[in-house]
């Protein structure tokens, strides 16, 4: 199983990147998944507008992102929450990719994660992502919100320390492997 994994954030020290990296490692170890970990910084392009699209077409990074999804068997995303919403970096890449094909996620099974430093655990953005998934051909198998990241994740070891959350993550990931 080839899994495309990424944090929907372009912050270099993203806690969501740490979480998705941990989750991807578990998938590789427990399900033998072949993981491709993307960095949204590799897909920078102008802010989407119809005027730019008409004048210049679809930027190559948008096509590359769309193709990466197509090449995967499943998708693992950890959403950063910015003012209760998607990061601008993710939203821009997604908007461009949706101009290639509205079904950006091409029917792929997905596990959606999210974390934040506070007790909300990125639940607002996870709700947005899960609620709109069907419109964009994403087959959401499971979601997991990790609240209070710094209290529940060991940055040095790169793993969840909360046993209940760790078990919930394993169950969510198992939904991709099964």
Protein backbone atom coordinates (compact mmCIF):
# COMPACT_ATOMS: atom_id res chain seq x y z
CA UNK A 1 0.00 0.00 0.00
CA UNK A 2 1.42 3.38 -1.05
CA UNK A 3 0.38 6.18 1.31
CA UNK A 4 0.74 9.87 0.62
CA UNK A 5 1.19 11.74 3.91
CA UNK A 6 1.47 15.44 4.61
CA UNK A 7 0.79 18.18 7.09
CA UNK A 8 -1.64 20.74 5.67
CA UNK A 9 0.68 23.49 6.89
CA UNK A 10 3.82 25.11 5.54
CA UNK A 11 5.32 25.87 8.95
CA UNK A 12 8.78 24.29 9.14
CA UNK A 13 8.41 23.24 12.79
CA UNK A 14 4.74 22.28 12.34
CA UNK A 15 3.29 20.18 15.12
CA UNK A 16 0.99 18.68 12.50
CA UNK A 17 4.03 17.60 10.51
CA UNK A 18 5.38 15.93 13.64
CA UNK A 19 2.05 14.17 14.16
CA UNK A 20 1.67 12.99 10.55
CA UNK A 21 5.31 11.83 10.49
CA UNK A 22 4.66 9.74 13.60
CA UNK A 23 1.44 8.33 12.13
CA UNK A 24 3.16 7.53 8.83
CA UNK A 25 5.91 5.72 10.71
CA UNK A 26 3.31 3.60 12.48
CA UNK A 27 1.68 2.74 9.15
CA UNK A 28 5.02 1.74 7.71
CA UNK A 29 5.93 -0.38 10.73
CA UNK A 30 2.55 -1.99 11.39
CA UNK A 31 1.06 -2.32 7.90
CA UNK A 32 4.17 -2.36 5.74
CA UNK A 33 2.99 0.77 3.95
CA UNK A 34 5.26 2.58 1.53
CA UNK A 35 5.10 6.20 2.70
CA UNK A 36 5.70 9.34 0.69
CA UNK A 37 5.86 12.33 3.03
CA UNK A 38 5.21 15.62 1.24
CA UNK A 39 6.21 19.11 2.33
CA UNK A 40 3.75 21.77 1.18
CA UNK A 41 6.67 24.17 0.79
CA UNK A 42 7.59 22.17 -2.32
CA UNK A 43 4.29 23.21 -3.92
CA UNK A 44 4.37 26.99 -3.59
CA UNK A 45 2.64 28.92 -6.34
CA UNK A 46 0.75 32.19 -6.84
CA UNK A 47 -2.45 32.69 -4.89
CA UNK A 48 -5.28 31.22 -6.90
CA UNK A 49 -7.47 33.51 -8.98
CA UNK A 50 -9.46 32.88 -12.12
CA UNK A 51 -7.57 35.76 -13.74
CA UNK A 52 -4.23 34.00 -13.14
CA UNK A 53 -5.64 30.71 -14.38
CA UNK A 54 -6.95 32.29 -17.61
CA UNK A 55 -3.71 34.19 -18.20
CA UNK A 56 -1.22 31.46 -17.30
CA UNK A 57 -3.00 28.13 -16.95
CA UNK A 58 -2.54 25.69 -14.08
CA UNK A 59 0.89 25.93 -12.38
CA UNK A 60 3.05 22.80 -12.56
CA UNK A 61 3.15 22.38 -8.73
CA UNK A 62 -0.67 22.01 -8.69
CA UNK A 63 -0.49 19.27 -11.32
CA UNK A 64 2.34 17.59 -9.40
CA UNK A 65 0.29 17.64 -6.17
CA UNK A 66 -2.76 16.23 -7.97
CA UNK A 67 -0.61 13.52 -9.59
CA UNK A 68 0.89 12.53 -6.21
CA UNK A 69 -2.63 11.86 -4.90
CA UNK A 70 -3.42 9.83 -8.00
CA UNK A 71 -0.32 7.66 -7.55
CA UNK A 72 -1.19 6.84 -3.92
CA UNK A 73 -3.44 4.09 -2.60
CA UNK A 74 -4.41 6.15 0.46
CA UNK A 75 -3.92 9.59 1.97
CA UNK A 76 -2.92 10.64 5.49
CA UNK A 77 -3.27 14.33 6.34
CA UNK A 78 -2.74 16.27 9.55
CA UNK A 79 -4.48 19.64 9.37
CA UNK A 80 -3.06 22.70 11.01
CA UNK A 81 -5.77 25.03 12.21
CA UNK A 82 -5.40 28.72 11.45
CA UNK A 83 -8.15 30.86 12.95
CA UNK A 84 -10.47 27.85 12.86
CA UNK A 85 -9.76 27.13 9.20
CA UNK A 86 -7.27 25.61 6.74
CA UNK A 87 -3.81 27.08 6.42
CA UNK A 88 -3.49 29.42 3.45
CA UNK A 89 -0.74 27.20 2.05
CA UNK A 90 -2.99 24.13 1.94
CA UNK A 91 -6.04 26.03 0.72
CA UNK A 92 -4.11 27.55 -2.17
CA UNK A 93 -2.67 24.22 -3.32
CA UNK A 94 -6.07 22.61 -2.95
CA UNK A 95 -7.81 25.42 -4.87
CA UNK A 96 -5.38 25.11 -7.78
CA UNK A 97 -5.65 21.30 -7.81
CA UNK A 98 -9.45 21.51 -7.81
CA UNK A 99 -9.24 23.38 -11.13
CA UNK A 100 -7.61 20.29 -12.66
CA UNK A 101 -10.44 18.09 -11.37
CA UNK A 102 -13.01 18.85 -8.67
CA UNK A 103 -12.43 15.30 -7.40
CA UNK A 104 -8.99 16.24 -6.07
CA UNK A 105 -8.74 13.17 -3.85
CA UNK A 106 -9.76 10.78 -6.63
CA UNK A 107 -11.74 8.41 -4.40
CA UNK A 108 -8.77 7.64 -2.17
CA UNK A 109 -9.35 6.39 1.38
CA UNK A 110 -8.06 8.90 3.92
CA UNK A 111 -7.34 9.36 7.60
CA UNK A 112 -7.57 12.95 8.77
CA UNK A 113 -5.65 14.11 11.80
CA UNK A 114 -5.32 17.46 13.46
CA UNK A 115 -3.59 18.90 16.47
CA UNK A 116 -3.08 22.23 18.17
CA UNK A 117 -1.35 23.52 21.29
CA UNK A 118 -4.74 24.14 22.89
CA UNK A 119 -7.56 21.90 24.06
CA UNK A 120 -9.51 22.23 20.78
CA UNK A 121 -7.12 19.94 18.92
CA UNK A 122 -7.90 21.46 15.50
CA UNK A 123 -11.47 20.15 15.68
CA UNK A 124 -12.84 23.08 13.67
CA UNK A 125 -10.65 22.44 10.64
CA UNK A 126 -11.13 18.67 10.93
CA UNK A 127 -14.89 19.24 10.81
CA UNK A 128 -14.48 21.39 7.70
CA UNK A 129 -12.29 18.79 6.00
CA UNK A 130 -14.52 15.87 6.87
CA UNK A 131 -17.70 17.76 5.99
CA UNK A 132 -16.48 18.69 2.51
CA UNK A 133 -14.59 15.46 1.73
CA UNK A 134 -17.36 13.90 -0.32
CA UNK A 135 -17.47 16.87 -2.68
CA UNK A 136 -13.82 16.29 -3.52
CA UNK A 137 -13.88 12.47 -3.76
CA UNK A 138 -12.13 11.78 -0.45
CA UNK A 139 -13.24 8.60 1.31
CA UNK A 140 -12.70 9.49 4.97
CA UNK A 141 -12.11 6.32 6.96
CA UNK A 142 -11.30 7.97 10.31
CA UNK A 143 -10.46 11.26 11.97
CA UNK A 144 -8.51 12.01 15.11
CA UNK A 145 -8.12 15.26 17.00
CA UNK A 146 -5.10 15.48 19.30
CA UNK A 147 -5.68 18.27 21.82
CA UNK A 148 -2.93 20.01 23.78
CA UNK A 149 -0.12 18.74 21.58
CA UNK A 150 2.67 19.63 24.00
CA UNK A 151 1.00 17.63 26.78
CA UNK A 152 0.31 14.57 24.62
CA UNK A 153 3.32 14.27 22.30
CA UNK A 154 6.99 13.71 23.08
CA UNK A 155 8.84 15.84 20.52
CA UNK A 156 12.21 14.21 21.23
CA UNK A 157 10.86 10.66 20.74
CA UNK A 158 8.44 11.78 18.02
CA UNK A 159 5.47 9.90 19.46
CA UNK A 160 2.20 10.27 21.29
CA UNK A 161 2.55 9.86 25.04
CA UNK A 162 -1.14 9.68 25.87
CA UNK A 163 -2.03 5.95 25.75
CA UNK A 164 -5.69 6.58 24.88
CA UNK A 165 -4.79 8.86 21.96
CA UNK A 166 -2.07 6.44 20.83
CA UNK A 167 -4.64 3.62 20.70
CA UNK A 168 -7.13 5.83 18.85
CA UNK A 169 -4.43 6.65 16.29
CA UNK A 170 -3.61 2.95 15.78
CA UNK A 171 -7.31 2.20 15.23
CA UNK A 172 -7.66 5.10 12.78
CA UNK A 173 -4.63 3.92 10.81
CA UNK A 174 -5.92 0.34 10.81
CA UNK A 175 -8.94 1.59 8.84
CA UNK A 176 -6.59 2.28 5.92
CA UNK A 177 -4.87 -1.09 6.10
CA UNK A 178 -8.10 -3.09 6.39
